[in-house]
Amino acid sequence: MKKPILLFTAAAFSLMVSCSDDDSASGVQLQNHDDNEMMMVMHSMMDEMSSMEMTHDPDVDFAAMMIMHHQGAIAMANLEIEKGKNAEMKAMAQAIITAQQQEIQELQGILAALPVDGMDMDFMEEQMMGMDKMDAMADQQMITGDIDNDFASLMIIHHQAAIDSASSYLHHGSNGELSAMANAIIEMQSEEIITFSNWLAENKR
């Protein structure tokens, strides 16, 4: 399952770049990342995740990091609902809020009962590499200032990071509930990446 996901998301990223190239060539004005609200929300989430103190226990660290990651998605989705104009993107945002609020509650419950008794430096390294990848992809993404377009573009990057983190956890983690959640995250967010990519292809800016 993991190989097709990687192949697809590479294609999705190529689509995002090509859309951005088309925008630039057609004279659409791009927005500085530091001035873009959606990008600022995403960077805030990445800063919080980067400053999190890691325990080196895959179960504990995955649960804690995914809570922060979901909170970032909810903040981005709330901005889309507040300022977006496209009905499909606003509906996607609401679906993300509903699903990820529920998952946060589940993750918090699991985390509260987890002992810190594991030590896996490889998992921590993979998580750090994943955050660096998300940061680099976000920095490469051309931003238009159109909330709907920026939400779809950045949520693809956000979701890919969650998929990478969940895939890594399945190789290193040992908690059954978290493994089930990791599989669910991979399935659901892969489907949402397809939806966002299709919308971007049909709604070039």
C-alpha atoms as a PDB file:
ATOM      1  CA  MET A   1       0.000   0.000   0.000  1.00  0.00           C
ATOM      2  CA  LYS A   2       2.804   2.417   0.841  1.00  0.00           C
ATOM      3  CA  LYS A   3       4.429   2.394  -2.632  1.00  0.00           C
ATOM      4  CA  PRO A   4       1.298   3.532  -4.528  1.00  0.00           C
ATOM      5  CA  ILE A   5       0.785   6.284  -1.949  1.00  0.00           C
ATOM      6  CA  LEU A   6       4.299   7.576  -2.509  1.00  0.00           C
ATOM      7  CA  LEU A   7       3.884   7.412  -6.280  1.00  0.00           C
ATOM      8  CA  PHE A   8       0.599   9.250  -6.128  1.00  0.00           C
ATOM      9  CA  THR A   9       1.748  11.998  -3.844  1.00  0.00           C
ATOM     10  CA  ALA A  10       4.784  12.635  -6.019  1.00  0.00           C
ATOM     11  CA  ALA A  11       2.372  13.116  -8.907  1.00  0.00           C
ATOM     12  CA  ALA A  12       0.193  15.357  -6.773  1.00  0.00           C
ATOM     13  CA  PHE A  13       3.175  17.532  -5.878  1.00  0.00           C
ATOM     14  CA  SER A  14       4.108  17.771  -9.570  1.00  0.00           C
ATOM     15  CA  LEU A  15       0.557  18.901 -10.290  1.00  0.00           C
ATOM     16  CA  MET A  16       0.791  21.574  -7.603  1.00  0.00           C
ATOM     17  CA  VAL A  17       4.080  22.863  -9.004  1.00  0.00           C
ATOM     18  CA  SER A  18       2.775  22.868 -12.570  1.00  0.00           C
ATOM     19  CA  CYS A  19      -0.322  24.771 -11.487  1.00  0.00           C
ATOM     20  CA  SER A  20       1.889  27.297  -9.749  1.00  0.00           C
ATOM     21  CA  ASP A  21       4.109  27.598 -12.840  1.00  0.00           C
ATOM     22  CA  ASP A  22       1.047  28.203 -14.990  1.00  0.00           C
ATOM     23  CA  ASP A  23      -0.113  30.906 -12.586  1.00  0.00           C
ATOM     24  CA  SER A  24       3.242  32.647 -12.703  1.00  0.00           C
ATOM     25  CA  ALA A  25       3.401  32.484 -16.493  1.00  0.00           C
ATOM     26  CA  SER A  26      -0.108  33.890 -16.840  1.00  0.00           C
ATOM     27  CA  GLY A  27       0.723  36.893 -14.691  1.00  0.00           C
ATOM     28  CA  VAL A  28      -1.246  35.970 -11.567  1.00  0.00           C
ATOM     29  CA  GLN A  29       0.278  37.803  -8.621  1.00  0.00           C
ATOM     30  CA  LEU A  30       1.825  35.549  -6.000  1.00  0.00           C
ATOM     31  CA  GLN A  31       1.831  36.337  -2.296  1.00  0.00           C
ATOM     32  CA  ASN A  32       4.825  36.402   0.026  1.00  0.00           C
ATOM     33  CA  HIS A  33       4.714  33.449   2.414  1.00  0.00           C
ATOM     34  CA  ASP A  34       5.128  35.739   5.434  1.00  0.00           C
ATOM     35  CA  ASP A  35       2.013  37.657   4.382  1.00  0.00           C
ATOM     36  CA  ASN A  36      -0.175  34.602   3.756  1.00  0.00           C
ATOM     37  CA  GLU A  37      -2.615  33.656   6.519  1.00  0.00           C
ATOM     38  CA  MET A  38      -2.863  29.972   5.611  1.00  0.00           C
ATOM     39  CA  MET A  39       0.908  29.609   5.427  1.00  0.00           C
ATOM     40  CA  MET A  40       1.296  31.396   8.770  1.00  0.00           C
ATOM     41  CA  VAL A  41      -1.057  28.887  10.406  1.00  0.00           C
ATOM     42  CA  MET A  42       0.902  25.991   8.931  1.00  0.00           C
ATOM     43  CA  HIS A  43       4.251  27.446  10.003  1.00  0.00           C
ATOM     44  CA  SER A  44       2.904  27.941  13.530  1.00  0.00           C
ATOM     45  CA  MET A  45       2.020  24.247  13.694  1.00  0.00           C
ATOM     46  CA  MET A  46       5.458  23.239  12.382  1.00  0.00           C
ATOM     47  CA  ASP A  47       7.173  25.454  14.953  1.00  0.00           C
ATOM     48  CA  GLU A  48       5.213  23.828  17.786  1.00  0.00           C
ATOM     49  CA  MET A  49       6.007  20.335  16.533  1.00  0.00           C
ATOM     50  CA  SER A  50       9.704  21.156  16.130  1.00  0.00           C
ATOM     51  CA  SER A  51       9.898  22.423  19.713  1.00  0.00           C
ATOM     52  CA  MET A  52       8.193  19.351  21.192  1.00  0.00           C
ATOM     53  CA  GLU A  53      10.398  17.436  23.622  1.00  0.00           C
ATOM     54  CA  MET A  54      10.747  13.906  22.261  1.00  0.00           C
ATOM     55  CA  THR A  55      10.752  10.890  24.599  1.00  0.00           C
ATOM     56  CA  HIS A  56      12.177   8.542  21.914  1.00  0.00           C
ATOM     57  CA  ASP A  57       9.270   6.183  22.629  1.00  0.00           C
ATOM     58  CA  PRO A  58       7.474   5.719  19.260  1.00  0.00           C
ATOM     59  CA  ASP A  59       4.046   5.205  20.846  1.00  0.00           C
ATOM     60  CA  VAL A  60       4.217   8.313  23.026  1.00  0.00           C
ATOM     61  CA  ASP A  61       5.873  10.559  20.455  1.00  0.00           C
ATOM     62  CA  PHE A  62       3.566   9.538  17.600  1.00  0.00           C
ATOM     63  CA  ALA A  63       0.450  10.223  19.663  1.00  0.00           C
ATOM     64  CA  ALA A  64       1.744  13.573  20.919  1.00  0.00           C
ATOM     65  CA  MET A  65       2.948  14.741  17.511  1.00  0.00           C
ATOM     66  CA  MET A  66      -0.231  13.654  15.746  1.00  0.00           C
ATOM     67  CA  ILE A  67      -2.306  15.663  18.232  1.00  0.00           C
ATOM     68  CA  MET A  68      -0.315  18.780  17.289  1.00  0.00           C
ATOM     69  CA  HIS A  69      -0.536  17.889  13.613  1.00  0.00           C
ATOM     70  CA  HIS A  70      -4.310  17.517  13.810  1.00  0.00           C
ATOM     71  CA  GLN A  71      -4.614  20.812  15.697  1.00  0.00           C
ATOM     72  CA  GLY A  72      -2.777  22.483  12.821  1.00  0.00           C
ATOM     73  CA  ALA A  73      -5.180  20.972  10.294  1.00  0.00           C
ATOM     74  CA  ILE A  74      -8.149  22.184  12.337  1.00  0.00           C
ATOM     75  CA  ALA A  75      -6.719  25.714  12.497  1.00  0.00           C
ATOM     76  CA  MET A  76      -6.226  25.734   8.716  1.00  0.00           C
ATOM     77  CA  ALA A  77      -9.735  24.359   8.196  1.00  0.00           C
ATOM     78  CA  ASN A  78     -11.242  27.004  10.495  1.00  0.00           C
ATOM     79  CA  LEU A  79      -9.546  29.707   8.423  1.00  0.00           C
ATOM     80  CA  GLU A  80     -10.980  28.168   5.253  1.00  0.00           C
ATOM     81  CA  ILE A  81     -14.486  28.161   6.738  1.00  0.00           C
ATOM     82  CA  GLU A  82     -14.094  31.750   7.937  1.00  0.00           C
ATOM     83  CA  LYS A  83     -12.645  33.274   4.769  1.00  0.00           C
ATOM     84  CA  GLY A  84     -12.986  30.741   1.948  1.00  0.00           C
ATOM     85  CA  LYS A  85     -15.526  31.137  -0.841  1.00  0.00           C
ATOM     86  CA  ASN A  86     -15.690  27.714  -2.482  1.00  0.00           C
ATOM     87  CA  ALA A  87     -18.463  25.489  -1.137  1.00  0.00           C
ATOM     88  CA  GLU A  88     -16.591  22.243  -1.805  1.00  0.00           C
ATOM     89  CA  MET A  89     -13.480  23.411   0.035  1.00  0.00           C
ATOM     90  CA  LYS A  90     -15.526  24.723   2.961  1.00  0.00           C
ATOM     91  CA  ALA A  91     -17.290  21.350   3.183  1.00  0.00           C
ATOM     92  CA  MET A  92     -13.915  19.578   3.112  1.00  0.00           C
ATOM     93  CA  ALA A  93     -12.717  21.871   5.881  1.00  0.00           C
ATOM     94  CA  GLN A  94     -15.721  21.041   8.062  1.00  0.00           C
ATOM     95  CA  ALA A  95     -15.235  17.313   7.470  1.00  0.00           C
ATOM     96  CA  ILE A  96     -11.580  17.626   8.503  1.00  0.00           C
ATOM     97  CA  ILE A  97     -12.528  19.490  11.691  1.00  0.00           C
ATOM     98  CA  THR A  98     -15.132  16.894  12.656  1.00  0.00           C
ATOM     99  CA  ALA A  99     -12.887  13.888  11.978  1.00  0.00           C
ATOM    100  CA  GLN A 100      -9.722  15.264  13.493  1.00  0.00           C
ATOM    101  CA  GLN A 101     -11.366  16.629  16.644  1.00  0.00           C
ATOM    102  CA  GLN A 102     -12.616  13.094  17.288  1.00  0.00           C
ATOM    103  CA  GLU A 103      -9.172  11.645  16.598  1.00  0.00           C
ATOM    104  CA  ILE A 104      -7.547  14.162  18.957  1.00  0.00           C
ATOM    105  CA  GLN A 105      -9.843  12.994  21.769  1.00  0.00           C
ATOM    106  CA  GLU A 106      -8.934   9.377  21.028  1.00  0.00           C
ATOM    107  CA  LEU A 107      -5.212  10.167  20.870  1.00  0.00           C
ATOM    108  CA  GLN A 108      -5.347  12.085  24.153  1.00  0.00           C
ATOM    109  CA  GLY A 109      -7.036   9.135  25.849  1.00  0.00           C
ATOM    110  CA  ILE A 110      -4.438   6.696  24.537  1.00  0.00           C
ATOM    111  CA  LEU A 111      -1.552   9.024  25.383  1.00  0.00           C
ATOM    112  CA  ALA A 112      -2.705   9.464  28.981  1.00  0.00           C
ATOM    113  CA  ALA A 113      -2.450   5.711  29.552  1.00  0.00           C
ATOM    114  CA  LEU A 114       0.868   5.112  27.778  1.00  0.00           C
ATOM    115  CA  PRO A 115       4.040   4.405  29.741  1.00  0.00           C
ATOM    116  CA  VAL A 116       7.276   5.900  28.436  1.00  0.00           C
ATOM    117  CA  ASP A 117       9.279   2.699  28.198  1.00  0.00           C
ATOM    118  CA  GLY A 118      10.502   2.503  24.608  1.00  0.00           C
ATOM    119  CA  MET A 119      13.646   3.809  22.962  1.00  0.00           C
ATOM    120  CA  ASP A 120      13.866   4.010  19.175  1.00  0.00           C
ATOM    121  CA  MET A 121      16.208   6.615  17.739  1.00  0.00           C
ATOM    122  CA  ASP A 122      15.408   5.566  14.161  1.00  0.00           C
ATOM    123  CA  PHE A 123      11.768   6.553  14.624  1.00  0.00           C
ATOM    124  CA  MET A 124      12.727   9.944  16.014  1.00  0.00           C
ATOM    125  CA  GLU A 125      15.083  10.517  13.084  1.00  0.00           C
ATOM    126  CA  GLU A 126      12.355   9.602  10.589  1.00  0.00           C
ATOM    127  CA  GLN A 127       9.934  12.002  12.279  1.00  0.00           C
ATOM    128  CA  MET A 128      12.472  14.839  12.147  1.00  0.00           C
ATOM    129  CA  MET A 129      13.126  14.108   8.472  1.00  0.00           C
ATOM    130  CA  GLY A 130       9.378  14.134   7.857  1.00  0.00           C
ATOM    131  CA  MET A 131       9.010  17.576   9.428  1.00  0.00           C
ATOM    132  CA  ASP A 132      11.937  18.880   7.394  1.00  0.00           C
ATOM    133  CA  LYS A 133      10.296  17.497   4.239  1.00  0.00           C
ATOM    134  CA  MET A 134       6.971  19.159   5.074  1.00  0.00           C
ATOM    135  CA  ASP A 135       8.735  22.456   5.769  1.00  0.00           C
ATOM    136  CA  ALA A 136      10.662  22.282   2.485  1.00  0.00           C
ATOM    137  CA  MET A 137       7.572  21.427   0.428  1.00  0.00           C
ATOM    138  CA  ALA A 138       5.623  24.272   2.020  1.00  0.00           C
ATOM    139  CA  ASP A 139       8.441  26.711   1.307  1.00  0.00           C
ATOM    140  CA  GLN A 140       8.510  25.615  -2.352  1.00  0.00           C
ATOM    141  CA  GLN A 141       4.768  26.019  -2.752  1.00  0.00           C
ATOM    142  CA  MET A 142       3.746  29.159  -4.621  1.00  0.00           C
ATOM    143  CA  ILE A 143       0.961  30.968  -2.789  1.00  0.00           C
ATOM    144  CA  THR A 144      -1.654  33.163  -4.475  1.00  0.00           C
ATOM    145  CA  GLY A 145      -3.500  34.586  -1.496  1.00  0.00           C
ATOM    146  CA  ASP A 146      -6.682  32.847  -2.663  1.00  0.00           C
ATOM    147  CA  ILE A 147      -7.807  31.104   0.537  1.00  0.00           C
ATOM    148  CA  ASP A 148      -9.499  28.173  -1.208  1.00  0.00           C
ATOM    149  CA  ASN A 149      -6.523  27.474  -3.479  1.00  0.00           C
ATOM    150  CA  ASP A 150      -3.991  27.888  -0.673  1.00  0.00           C
ATOM    151  CA  PHE A 151      -6.023  25.647   1.647  1.00  0.00           C
ATOM    152  CA  ALA A 152      -6.117  22.834  -0.919  1.00  0.00           C
ATOM    153  CA  SER A 153      -2.440  23.188  -1.840  1.00  0.00           C
ATOM    154  CA  LEU A 154      -1.133  23.301   1.714  1.00  0.00           C
ATOM    155  CA  MET A 155      -3.482  20.604   2.980  1.00  0.00           C
ATOM    156  CA  ILE A 156      -1.975  18.193   0.445  1.00  0.00           C
ATOM    157  CA  ILE A 157       1.445  18.868   1.970  1.00  0.00           C
ATOM    158  CA  HIS A 158       0.003  18.638   5.488  1.00  0.00           C
ATOM    159  CA  HIS A 159      -1.739  15.335   4.773  1.00  0.00           C
ATOM    160  CA  GLN A 160       1.349  13.848   3.122  1.00  0.00           C
ATOM    161  CA  ALA A 161       3.324  14.566   6.277  1.00  0.00           C
ATOM    162  CA  ALA A 162       0.675  12.763   8.344  1.00  0.00           C
ATOM    163  CA  ILE A 163       0.814   9.774   5.986  1.00  0.00           C
ATOM    164  CA  ASP A 164       4.606   9.651   6.234  1.00  0.00           C
ATOM    165  CA  SER A 165       4.452   9.847  10.035  1.00  0.00           C
ATOM    166  CA  ALA A 166       1.791   7.135  10.255  1.00  0.00           C
ATOM    167  CA  SER A 167       3.723   4.859   7.873  1.00  0.00           C
ATOM    168  CA  SER A 168       6.850   5.289   9.986  1.00  0.00           C
ATOM    169  CA  TYR A 169       4.902   4.503  13.144  1.00  0.00           C
ATOM    170  CA  LEU A 170       3.639   1.235  11.667  1.00  0.00           C
ATOM    171  CA  HIS A 171       7.266   0.132  11.299  1.00  0.00           C
ATOM    172  CA  HIS A 172       8.349   1.190  14.786  1.00  0.00           C
ATOM    173  CA  GLY A 173       5.311   1.368  17.090  1.00  0.00           C
ATOM    174  CA  SER A 174       3.789  -1.372  19.222  1.00  0.00           C
ATOM    175  CA  ASN A 175       0.416  -0.050  20.413  1.00  0.00           C
ATOM    176  CA  GLY A 176      -2.558  -1.733  18.751  1.00  0.00           C
ATOM    177  CA  GLU A 177      -4.906   1.246  19.025  1.00  0.00           C
ATOM    178  CA  LEU A 178      -2.335   3.626  17.572  1.00  0.00           C
ATOM    179  CA  SER A 179      -1.551   1.199  14.753  1.00  0.00           C
ATOM    180  CA  ALA A 180      -5.246   1.095  13.855  1.00  0.00           C
ATOM    181  CA  MET A 181      -5.369   4.899  13.904  1.00  0.00           C
ATOM    182  CA  ALA A 182      -2.230   5.097  11.762  1.00  0.00           C
ATOM    183  CA  ASN A 183      -3.817   2.851   9.136  1.00  0.00           C
ATOM    184  CA  ALA A 184      -7.005   4.924   9.225  1.00  0.00           C
ATOM    185  CA  ILE A 185      -4.999   8.147   8.808  1.00  0.00           C
ATOM    186  CA  ILE A 186      -3.188   6.721   5.778  1.00  0.00           C
ATOM    187  CA  GLU A 187      -6.436   5.612   4.137  1.00  0.00           C
ATOM    188  CA  MET A 188      -8.520   8.714   4.846  1.00  0.00           C
ATOM    189  CA  GLN A 189      -5.889  11.324   4.143  1.00  0.00           C
ATOM    190  CA  SER A 190      -4.759   9.591   0.934  1.00  0.00           C
ATOM    191  CA  GLU A 191      -8.351   9.865  -0.297  1.00  0.00           C
ATOM    192  CA  GLU A 192      -8.497  13.524   0.710  1.00  0.00           C
ATOM    193  CA  ILE A 193      -5.242  14.240  -1.148  1.00  0.00           C
ATOM    194  CA  ILE A 194      -6.893  12.883  -4.296  1.00  0.00           C
ATOM    195  CA  THR A 195      -9.912  15.137  -3.732  1.00  0.00           C
ATOM    196  CA  PHE A 196      -7.753  18.220  -3.167  1.00  0.00           C
ATOM    197  CA  SER A 197      -5.571  17.431  -6.194  1.00  0.00           C
ATOM    198  CA  ASN A 198      -8.587  16.970  -8.452  1.00  0.00           C
ATOM    199  CA  TRP A 199     -10.071  20.239  -7.218  1.00  0.00           C
ATOM    200  CA  LEU A 200      -6.820  22.100  -7.895  1.00  0.00           C
ATOM    201  CA  ALA A 201      -6.667  20.648 -11.413  1.00  0.00           C
ATOM    202  CA  GLU A 202     -10.177  21.943 -12.083  1.00  0.00           C
ATOM    203  CA  ASN A 203      -9.720  25.309 -10.357  1.00  0.00           C
ATOM    204  CA  LYS A 204      -6.350  26.646 -11.478  1.00  0.00           C
ATOM    205  CA  ARG A 205      -5.556  30.162 -10.296  1.00  0.00           C
END
